[in-house]
Amino acid sequence: MIEVKIYSIICMVAGMLRIGASFIEYQSGLDTLELFYGVIDLGFILGLVGFYLLFRERLNASGRLGWVISLCGFSLIAGPEALLFGIGIYQIGTPIIGVVFRLSW
């Protein structure tokens, strides 16, 4: 149970950092900024892992599938510059996370 609390704290800190990141002007090629976004994404992924650890006994097959798809959605969030077939990956990954995670309940 203590791991779940640690994961929750990490995820909340990542959320606060993400809110703060919205006030930072994005500059292409700035390594420290990319590292900052990477830390935020890692915090969200660890929060999702903590969620799974807390509810793994109660998740049915669709819930587990939703968790895996949400994890895949987080892996797609690679920053605002990444493109897939001319579409920003951030715009693809974010709805996947929200919709699938919500439907898995």
C-alpha atoms as a PDB file:
ATOM      1  CA  MET A   1       0.000   0.000   0.000  1.00  0.00           C
ATOM      2  CA  ILE A   2       2.885   2.369   0.636  1.00  0.00           C
ATOM      3  CA  GLU A   3       4.009   1.936  -2.982  1.00  0.00           C
ATOM      4  CA  VAL A   4       0.617   3.142  -4.143  1.00  0.00           C
ATOM      5  CA  LYS A   5       0.953   6.287  -2.034  1.00  0.00           C
ATOM      6  CA  ILE A   6       4.414   6.948  -3.463  1.00  0.00           C
ATOM      7  CA  TYR A   7       3.118   6.490  -7.016  1.00  0.00           C
ATOM      8  CA  SER A   8       0.198   8.792  -6.229  1.00  0.00           C
ATOM      9  CA  ILE A   9       2.502  11.505  -4.924  1.00  0.00           C
ATOM     10  CA  ILE A  10       4.745  11.169  -7.986  1.00  0.00           C
ATOM     11  CA  CYS A  11       1.721  11.480 -10.283  1.00  0.00           C
ATOM     12  CA  MET A  12       0.407  14.552  -8.434  1.00  0.00           C
ATOM     13  CA  VAL A  13       3.811  16.228  -8.633  1.00  0.00           C
ATOM     14  CA  ALA A  14       3.907  15.438 -12.362  1.00  0.00           C
ATOM     15  CA  GLY A  15       0.466  17.016 -12.729  1.00  0.00           C
ATOM     16  CA  MET A  16       1.623  20.170 -10.966  1.00  0.00           C
ATOM     17  CA  LEU A  17       4.732  20.265 -13.147  1.00  0.00           C
ATOM     18  CA  ARG A  18       2.521  19.891 -16.230  1.00  0.00           C
ATOM     19  CA  ILE A  19       0.406  22.821 -15.120  1.00  0.00           C
ATOM     20  CA  GLY A  20       3.591  24.839 -14.663  1.00  0.00           C
ATOM     21  CA  ALA A  21       4.880  23.694 -18.059  1.00  0.00           C
ATOM     22  CA  SER A  22       1.893  25.289 -19.769  1.00  0.00           C
ATOM     23  CA  PHE A  23       3.319  28.682 -18.778  1.00  0.00           C
ATOM     24  CA  ILE A  24       6.724  27.940 -20.305  1.00  0.00           C
ATOM     25  CA  GLU A  25       7.235  28.934 -23.916  1.00  0.00           C
ATOM     26  CA  TYR A  26       8.286  25.880 -25.901  1.00  0.00           C
ATOM     27  CA  GLN A  27      11.615  26.198 -27.682  1.00  0.00           C
ATOM     28  CA  SER A  28      12.585  23.585 -30.225  1.00  0.00           C
ATOM     29  CA  GLY A  29      15.779  21.667 -29.522  1.00  0.00           C
ATOM     30  CA  LEU A  30      16.176  22.743 -25.900  1.00  0.00           C
ATOM     31  CA  ASP A  31      17.393  19.582 -24.151  1.00  0.00           C
ATOM     32  CA  THR A  32      16.534  20.698 -20.621  1.00  0.00           C
ATOM     33  CA  LEU A  33      12.947  21.393 -21.651  1.00  0.00           C
ATOM     34  CA  GLU A  34      12.648  17.997 -23.333  1.00  0.00           C
ATOM     35  CA  LEU A  35      14.029  16.375 -20.167  1.00  0.00           C
ATOM     36  CA  PHE A  36      11.474  18.311 -18.125  1.00  0.00           C
ATOM     37  CA  TYR A  37       8.630  16.988 -20.295  1.00  0.00           C
ATOM     38  CA  GLY A  38      10.120  13.491 -20.069  1.00  0.00           C
ATOM     39  CA  VAL A  39      10.070  13.647 -16.259  1.00  0.00           C
ATOM     40  CA  ILE A  40       6.431  14.748 -16.365  1.00  0.00           C
ATOM     41  CA  ASP A  41       5.463  11.869 -18.667  1.00  0.00           C
ATOM     42  CA  LEU A  42       7.344   9.385 -16.501  1.00  0.00           C
ATOM     43  CA  GLY A  43       5.474  10.658 -13.440  1.00  0.00           C
ATOM     44  CA  PHE A  44       2.145  10.078 -15.188  1.00  0.00           C
ATOM     45  CA  ILE A  45       3.188   6.569 -16.210  1.00  0.00           C
ATOM     46  CA  LEU A  46       4.200   5.751 -12.644  1.00  0.00           C
ATOM     47  CA  GLY A  47       0.830   7.075 -11.479  1.00  0.00           C
ATOM     48  CA  LEU A  48      -0.860   4.687 -13.888  1.00  0.00           C
ATOM     49  CA  VAL A  49       1.251   1.839 -12.511  1.00  0.00           C
ATOM     50  CA  GLY A  50       0.157   2.794  -8.991  1.00  0.00           C
ATOM     51  CA  PHE A  51      -3.465   2.779 -10.138  1.00  0.00           C
ATOM     52  CA  TYR A  52      -3.006  -0.723 -11.517  1.00  0.00           C
ATOM     53  CA  LEU A  53      -1.375  -1.931  -8.295  1.00  0.00           C
ATOM     54  CA  LEU A  54      -4.282  -0.577  -6.264  1.00  0.00           C
ATOM     55  CA  PHE A  55      -7.101  -1.988  -8.417  1.00  0.00           C
ATOM     56  CA  ARG A  56      -5.546  -5.045 -10.076  1.00  0.00           C
ATOM     57  CA  GLU A  57      -7.729  -7.473  -8.125  1.00  0.00           C
ATOM     58  CA  ARG A  58     -10.947  -5.725  -9.200  1.00  0.00           C
ATOM     59  CA  LEU A  59     -10.112  -5.075 -12.866  1.00  0.00           C
ATOM     60  CA  ASN A  60     -11.831  -7.328 -15.356  1.00  0.00           C
ATOM     61  CA  ALA A  61     -10.445  -8.110 -18.815  1.00  0.00           C
ATOM     62  CA  SER A  62     -11.704  -4.876 -20.363  1.00  0.00           C
ATOM     63  CA  GLY A  63     -10.279  -2.887 -17.455  1.00  0.00           C
ATOM     64  CA  ARG A  64      -6.876  -4.490 -17.894  1.00  0.00           C
ATOM     65  CA  LEU A  65      -7.028  -3.892 -21.634  1.00  0.00           C
ATOM     66  CA  GLY A  66      -7.946  -0.270 -20.975  1.00  0.00           C
ATOM     67  CA  TRP A  67      -4.970   0.043 -18.644  1.00  0.00           C
ATOM     68  CA  VAL A  68      -2.619  -1.337 -21.304  1.00  0.00           C
ATOM     69  CA  ILE A  69      -4.052   0.949 -23.993  1.00  0.00           C
ATOM     70  CA  SER A  70      -3.755   3.927 -21.640  1.00  0.00           C
ATOM     71  CA  LEU A  71      -0.131   3.012 -21.027  1.00  0.00           C
ATOM     72  CA  CYS A  72       0.366   2.910 -24.799  1.00  0.00           C
ATOM     73  CA  GLY A  73      -1.270   6.339 -25.041  1.00  0.00           C
ATOM     74  CA  PHE A  74       1.219   7.706 -22.533  1.00  0.00           C
ATOM     75  CA  SER A  75       4.058   6.278 -24.562  1.00  0.00           C
ATOM     76  CA  LEU A  76       2.788   8.241 -27.590  1.00  0.00           C
ATOM     77  CA  ILE A  77       3.115  11.556 -25.785  1.00  0.00           C
ATOM     78  CA  ALA A  78       6.614  12.379 -26.945  1.00  0.00           C
ATOM     79  CA  GLY A  79       6.410  16.148 -27.014  1.00  0.00           C
ATOM     80  CA  PRO A  80       4.884  18.675 -29.343  1.00  0.00           C
ATOM     81  CA  GLU A  81       7.321  18.091 -32.215  1.00  0.00           C
ATOM     82  CA  ALA A  82       6.847  14.377 -32.816  1.00  0.00           C
ATOM     83  CA  LEU A  83       4.774  13.664 -35.921  1.00  0.00           C
ATOM     84  CA  LEU A  84       3.118  10.495 -37.165  1.00  0.00           C
ATOM     85  CA  PHE A  85       1.723  10.703 -40.708  1.00  0.00           C
ATOM     86  CA  GLY A  86       1.758  14.490 -40.402  1.00  0.00           C
ATOM     87  CA  ILE A  87      -0.286  14.514 -37.199  1.00  0.00           C
ATOM     88  CA  GLY A  88       1.159  15.527 -33.841  1.00  0.00           C
ATOM     89  CA  ILE A  89       1.516  12.459 -31.652  1.00  0.00           C
ATOM     90  CA  TYR A  90       0.480  14.439 -28.583  1.00  0.00           C
ATOM     91  CA  GLN A  91      -2.913  15.016 -30.223  1.00  0.00           C
ATOM     92  CA  ILE A  92      -3.222  11.255 -30.800  1.00  0.00           C
ATOM     93  CA  GLY A  93      -2.040  10.015 -27.395  1.00  0.00           C
ATOM     94  CA  THR A  94      -3.998  12.342 -25.141  1.00  0.00           C
ATOM     95  CA  PRO A  95      -7.492  11.301 -26.303  1.00  0.00           C
ATOM     96  CA  ILE A  96      -6.455   7.643 -26.179  1.00  0.00           C
ATOM     97  CA  ILE A  97      -5.513   8.031 -22.526  1.00  0.00           C
ATOM     98  CA  GLY A  98      -8.668   9.878 -21.527  1.00  0.00           C
ATOM     99  CA  VAL A  99     -11.280   7.967 -23.477  1.00  0.00           C
ATOM    100  CA  VAL A 100      -9.976   4.444 -23.001  1.00  0.00           C
ATOM    101  CA  PHE A 101      -9.121   4.955 -19.345  1.00  0.00           C
ATOM    102  CA  ARG A 102     -12.636   6.269 -18.706  1.00  0.00           C
ATOM    103  CA  LEU A 103     -14.313   3.469 -20.667  1.00  0.00           C
ATOM    104  CA  SER A 104     -12.378   0.809 -18.776  1.00  0.00           C
ATOM    105  CA  TRP A 105     -14.377   1.575 -15.629  1.00  0.00           C
END
